[in-house]
Amino acid sequence: MIRVALADDQELVRTGFRMILESEGDLTVVGEAEDGAQAFELVRRERPDVVLMDVRMPVLDGISATARIVAAGLPTRVLVLTTFDLDEVVFEAIRAGAAGFLLKTGPADDLVRAVRVVASGESLLSPSVTRRLVEEFARRPSGAPPAAVNELTPRELDVLRLLARGLSNAEIAAELVVETSTVKSHVASVLSKLNLRDRVQAVVAAYESGLVTPGTIP
């Protein structure tokens, strides 16, 4: 059972999310919060697998609450949901440590899928967000790859490049013709060697370092 917490200052929104999630047999809502401070305390107390985090909330905004959760070393994964499809919101959420970013305007099925993906340990960005991230990196001069990249094996470099394409573990396994468990091991090794928190950071690192450049990968 995937345990989910809801953080949004609008009760109707929380109620809608709860109805959508609890209609699924493998999802349950363990608590609700109406501001970022309450969200942090809820996560610290209940340790849910995923927290749906609104961006614009009183007392403490969702980005700051996300940063607190990550800084506290809590295992809960943060899925940021917002009606604001703005670049600054996206980048702030990623820097704060969000494992996923999804617009509230999407269909209910997208929300359910996003929770499952994030709970499984993977990261998720909506297509529009991914596109803008790549466009942002295309405008930046490529930097020198971090020294730690030299510690990656050729296969780990392949995995990192495929991560940057947004492929899931199963898709990477099919691409490299290996078992999914092998891919999981490689991903864990890449994150450890590069001192990265999750797959979102791995994608950012791949582009920022110049290991991958927009337009060079189909």
Protein backbone atom coordinates (compact mmCIF):
# COMPACT_ATOMS: atom_id res chain seq x y z
CA MET A 1 0.00 0.00 0.00
CA ILE A 2 1.36 3.42 -1.02
CA ARG A 3 0.82 5.96 1.77
CA VAL A 4 0.18 9.54 0.60
CA ALA A 5 -0.06 12.88 2.40
CA LEU A 6 -1.83 15.93 0.94
CA ALA A 7 -0.64 19.52 1.35
CA ASP A 8 -2.83 22.23 -0.17
CA ASP A 9 -4.47 25.31 1.31
CA GLN A 10 -7.76 24.62 -0.49
CA GLU A 11 -9.95 22.04 1.21
CA LEU A 12 -11.87 21.28 -1.98
CA VAL A 13 -8.64 20.45 -3.77
CA ARG A 14 -7.52 18.12 -0.97
CA THR A 15 -10.92 16.44 -0.99
CA GLY A 16 -10.71 15.91 -4.74
CA PHE A 17 -7.22 14.45 -4.48
CA ARG A 18 -8.31 12.14 -1.66
CA MET A 19 -11.27 10.85 -3.70
CA ILE A 20 -9.11 10.19 -6.74
CA LEU A 21 -6.33 8.44 -4.82
CA GLU A 22 -8.48 6.35 -2.50
CA SER A 23 -10.48 5.03 -5.44
CA GLU A 24 -7.33 3.05 -6.23
CA GLY A 25 -6.78 -0.16 -4.29
CA ASP A 26 -3.07 0.41 -3.71
CA LEU A 27 -3.21 4.04 -2.52
CA THR A 28 -4.27 5.48 0.83
CA VAL A 29 -4.22 9.05 2.21
CA VAL A 30 -2.69 9.22 5.70
CA GLY A 31 -3.18 12.91 6.43
CA GLU A 32 -3.79 16.44 5.17
CA ALA A 33 -2.12 19.81 5.71
CA GLU A 34 -3.23 23.29 4.72
CA ASP A 35 0.14 25.04 4.83
CA GLY A 36 3.81 24.18 4.42
CA ALA A 37 4.58 24.12 8.14
CA GLN A 38 1.78 21.64 8.78
CA ALA A 39 2.99 19.60 5.80
CA PHE A 40 6.47 19.28 7.26
CA GLU A 41 5.11 18.18 10.64
CA LEU A 42 2.73 15.73 8.97
CA VAL A 43 5.54 14.17 6.97
CA ARG A 44 7.80 13.99 10.01
CA ARG A 45 5.06 12.29 12.03
CA GLU A 46 3.52 9.92 9.48
CA ARG A 47 6.48 9.23 7.17
CA PRO A 48 4.28 8.75 4.07
CA ASP A 49 5.79 7.38 0.87
CA VAL A 50 4.73 10.47 -1.10
CA VAL A 51 3.47 13.94 -0.23
CA LEU A 52 1.52 15.95 -2.80
CA MET A 53 2.81 19.47 -2.24
CA ASP A 54 1.13 22.62 -3.46
CA VAL A 55 3.46 25.54 -4.19
CA ARG A 56 1.44 28.54 -3.02
CA MET A 57 0.46 28.04 0.64
CA PRO A 58 0.37 30.32 3.72
CA VAL A 59 2.82 30.24 6.66
CA LEU A 60 5.39 28.25 4.66
CA ASP A 61 5.27 27.78 0.90
CA GLY A 62 5.58 24.37 -0.75
CA ILE A 63 9.10 24.93 -2.06
CA SER A 64 10.41 25.78 1.42
CA ALA A 65 8.52 22.85 2.94
CA THR A 66 10.09 20.56 0.35
CA ALA A 67 13.56 21.85 1.21
CA ARG A 68 12.91 21.22 4.93
CA ILE A 69 11.78 17.65 4.27
CA VAL A 70 14.87 16.93 2.19
CA ALA A 71 17.23 18.65 4.66
CA ALA A 72 15.76 16.61 7.53
CA GLY A 73 16.64 13.41 5.71
CA LEU A 74 13.04 12.19 5.73
CA PRO A 75 12.36 9.32 3.32
CA THR A 76 9.15 10.83 1.93
CA ARG A 77 9.23 11.72 -1.75
CA VAL A 78 7.76 15.10 -2.71
CA LEU A 79 5.52 15.45 -5.75
CA VAL A 80 4.90 19.13 -6.44
CA LEU A 81 1.53 20.03 -7.96
CA THR A 82 0.65 23.53 -9.06
CA THR A 83 -1.52 25.50 -11.46
CA PHE A 84 1.47 27.75 -12.16
CA ASP A 85 3.43 26.48 -15.17
CA LEU A 86 6.28 28.90 -14.56
CA ASP A 87 9.99 28.33 -15.08
CA GLU A 88 10.99 29.79 -11.71
CA VAL A 89 8.60 27.44 -9.90
CA VAL A 90 9.97 24.42 -11.76
CA PHE A 91 13.61 25.20 -11.08
CA GLU A 92 13.00 26.13 -7.45
CA ALA A 93 11.13 22.86 -6.89
CA ILE A 94 13.94 20.81 -8.43
CA ARG A 95 16.61 22.65 -6.47
CA ALA A 96 14.62 22.10 -3.27
CA GLY A 97 14.64 18.35 -3.89
CA ALA A 98 11.23 17.54 -5.38
CA ALA A 99 11.09 14.10 -6.97
CA GLY A 100 8.38 15.13 -9.39
CA PHE A 101 6.49 18.10 -10.76
CA LEU A 102 2.99 17.89 -12.22
CA LEU A 103 0.38 20.45 -13.20
CA LYS A 104 -2.99 20.30 -11.45
CA THR A 105 -4.67 20.85 -14.79
CA GLY A 106 -3.80 17.32 -15.93
CA PRO A 107 -6.21 14.35 -15.90
CA ALA A 108 -6.78 12.23 -12.79
CA ASP A 109 -4.98 9.28 -14.37
CA ASP A 110 -1.80 11.37 -14.59
CA LEU A 111 -1.96 12.09 -10.87
CA VAL A 112 -2.36 8.42 -9.95
CA ARG A 113 0.46 7.38 -12.27
CA ALA A 114 2.72 10.15 -10.91
CA VAL A 115 2.22 9.01 -7.32
CA ARG A 116 3.08 5.42 -8.24
CA VAL A 117 6.14 6.44 -10.24
CA VAL A 118 7.52 8.68 -7.49
CA ALA A 119 6.74 6.11 -4.77
CA SER A 120 8.71 3.50 -6.72
CA GLY A 121 11.84 5.62 -6.33
CA GLU A 122 11.85 7.14 -9.79
CA SER A 123 11.35 10.79 -10.66
CA LEU A 124 8.76 12.41 -12.84
CA LEU A 125 8.42 15.67 -14.69
CA SER A 126 5.51 16.62 -16.92
CA PRO A 127 6.40 16.75 -20.65
CA SER A 128 6.18 20.55 -20.74
CA VAL A 129 8.54 20.81 -17.77
CA THR A 130 11.06 18.39 -19.29
CA ARG A 131 11.00 20.32 -22.57
CA ARG A 132 11.70 23.62 -20.85
CA LEU A 133 14.51 22.12 -18.79
CA VAL A 134 16.22 20.95 -21.96
CA GLU A 135 15.66 24.35 -23.58
CA GLU A 136 17.17 26.04 -20.53
CA PHE A 137 20.29 23.87 -20.70
CA ALA A 138 20.55 24.51 -24.44
CA ARG A 139 20.98 28.22 -23.69
CA ARG A 140 23.79 27.58 -21.22
CA PRO A 141 27.43 26.97 -22.14
CA SER A 142 28.39 23.42 -21.27
CA GLY A 143 30.66 23.13 -18.28
CA ALA A 144 33.42 20.66 -17.69
CA PRO A 145 32.14 17.28 -16.46
CA PRO A 146 32.59 16.93 -12.69
CA ALA A 147 35.67 14.98 -11.65
CA ALA A 148 33.47 12.27 -10.15
CA VAL A 149 32.24 11.39 -13.66
CA ASN A 150 35.64 9.82 -14.25
CA GLU A 151 34.74 7.25 -11.62
CA LEU A 152 31.77 6.01 -13.66
CA THR A 153 32.16 2.86 -15.68
CA PRO A 154 31.28 2.91 -19.40
CA ARG A 155 28.01 1.13 -18.61
CA GLU A 156 27.18 3.65 -15.86
CA LEU A 157 27.79 6.47 -18.34
CA ASP A 158 25.36 4.78 -20.74
CA VAL A 159 22.79 4.60 -17.96
CA LEU A 160 23.29 8.28 -17.07
CA ARG A 161 22.78 9.35 -20.68
CA LEU A 162 19.60 7.27 -20.91
CA LEU A 163 18.38 8.76 -17.62
CA ALA A 164 18.82 12.18 -19.23
CA ARG A 165 16.44 11.07 -21.98
CA GLY A 166 13.81 10.48 -19.30
CA LEU A 167 13.75 6.69 -19.67
CA SER A 168 12.43 4.52 -16.85
CA ASN A 169 14.43 1.60 -15.45
CA ALA A 170 12.42 -0.82 -17.58
CA GLU A 171 13.03 1.23 -20.72
CA ILE A 172 16.75 1.50 -19.97
CA ALA A 173 16.88 -2.28 -19.43
CA ALA A 174 15.25 -2.85 -22.82
CA GLU A 175 17.64 -0.38 -24.48
CA LEU A 176 20.74 -2.01 -22.98
CA VAL A 177 19.35 -5.57 -23.11
CA VAL A 178 19.91 -6.23 -19.41
CA GLU A 179 17.71 -7.05 -16.42
CA THR A 180 15.82 -4.26 -14.65
CA SER A 181 17.56 -5.22 -11.42
CA THR A 182 20.90 -4.54 -13.13
CA VAL A 183 19.73 -1.10 -14.18
CA LYS A 184 18.60 -0.32 -10.63
CA SER A 185 22.07 -1.25 -9.40
CA HIS A 186 23.74 0.99 -11.99
CA VAL A 187 21.42 3.92 -11.18
CA ALA A 188 22.17 3.58 -7.47
CA SER A 189 25.90 3.52 -8.23
CA VAL A 190 25.68 6.62 -10.44
CA LEU A 191 23.79 8.56 -7.78
CA SER A 192 26.25 7.49 -5.11
CA LYS A 193 29.41 8.28 -7.09
CA LEU A 194 28.13 11.69 -8.19
CA ASN A 195 26.63 12.45 -4.75
CA LEU A 196 23.21 13.03 -6.26
CA ARG A 197 19.90 12.80 -4.40
CA ASP A 198 17.73 11.30 -7.13
CA ARG A 199 17.08 10.85 -10.84
CA VAL A 200 16.01 14.46 -11.35
CA GLN A 201 19.39 15.64 -10.13
CA ALA A 202 21.04 13.05 -12.38
CA VAL A 203 19.26 14.49 -15.43
CA VAL A 204 20.26 18.01 -14.44
CA ALA A 205 23.87 16.93 -13.85
CA ALA A 206 24.07 15.18 -17.23
CA TYR A 207 23.02 18.33 -19.09
CA GLU A 208 24.89 20.83 -16.93
CA SER A 209 28.14 18.91 -17.27
CA GLY A 210 27.87 18.61 -21.05
CA LEU A 211 27.74 14.80 -21.00
CA VAL A 212 24.45 15.21 -22.83
CA THR A 213 23.46 18.16 -24.99
CA PRO A 214 20.00 18.96 -26.32
CA GLY A 215 19.49 17.68 -29.87
CA THR A 216 22.25 15.07 -29.81
CA ILE A 217 20.04 12.26 -28.51
CA PRO A 218 16.93 11.15 -30.40
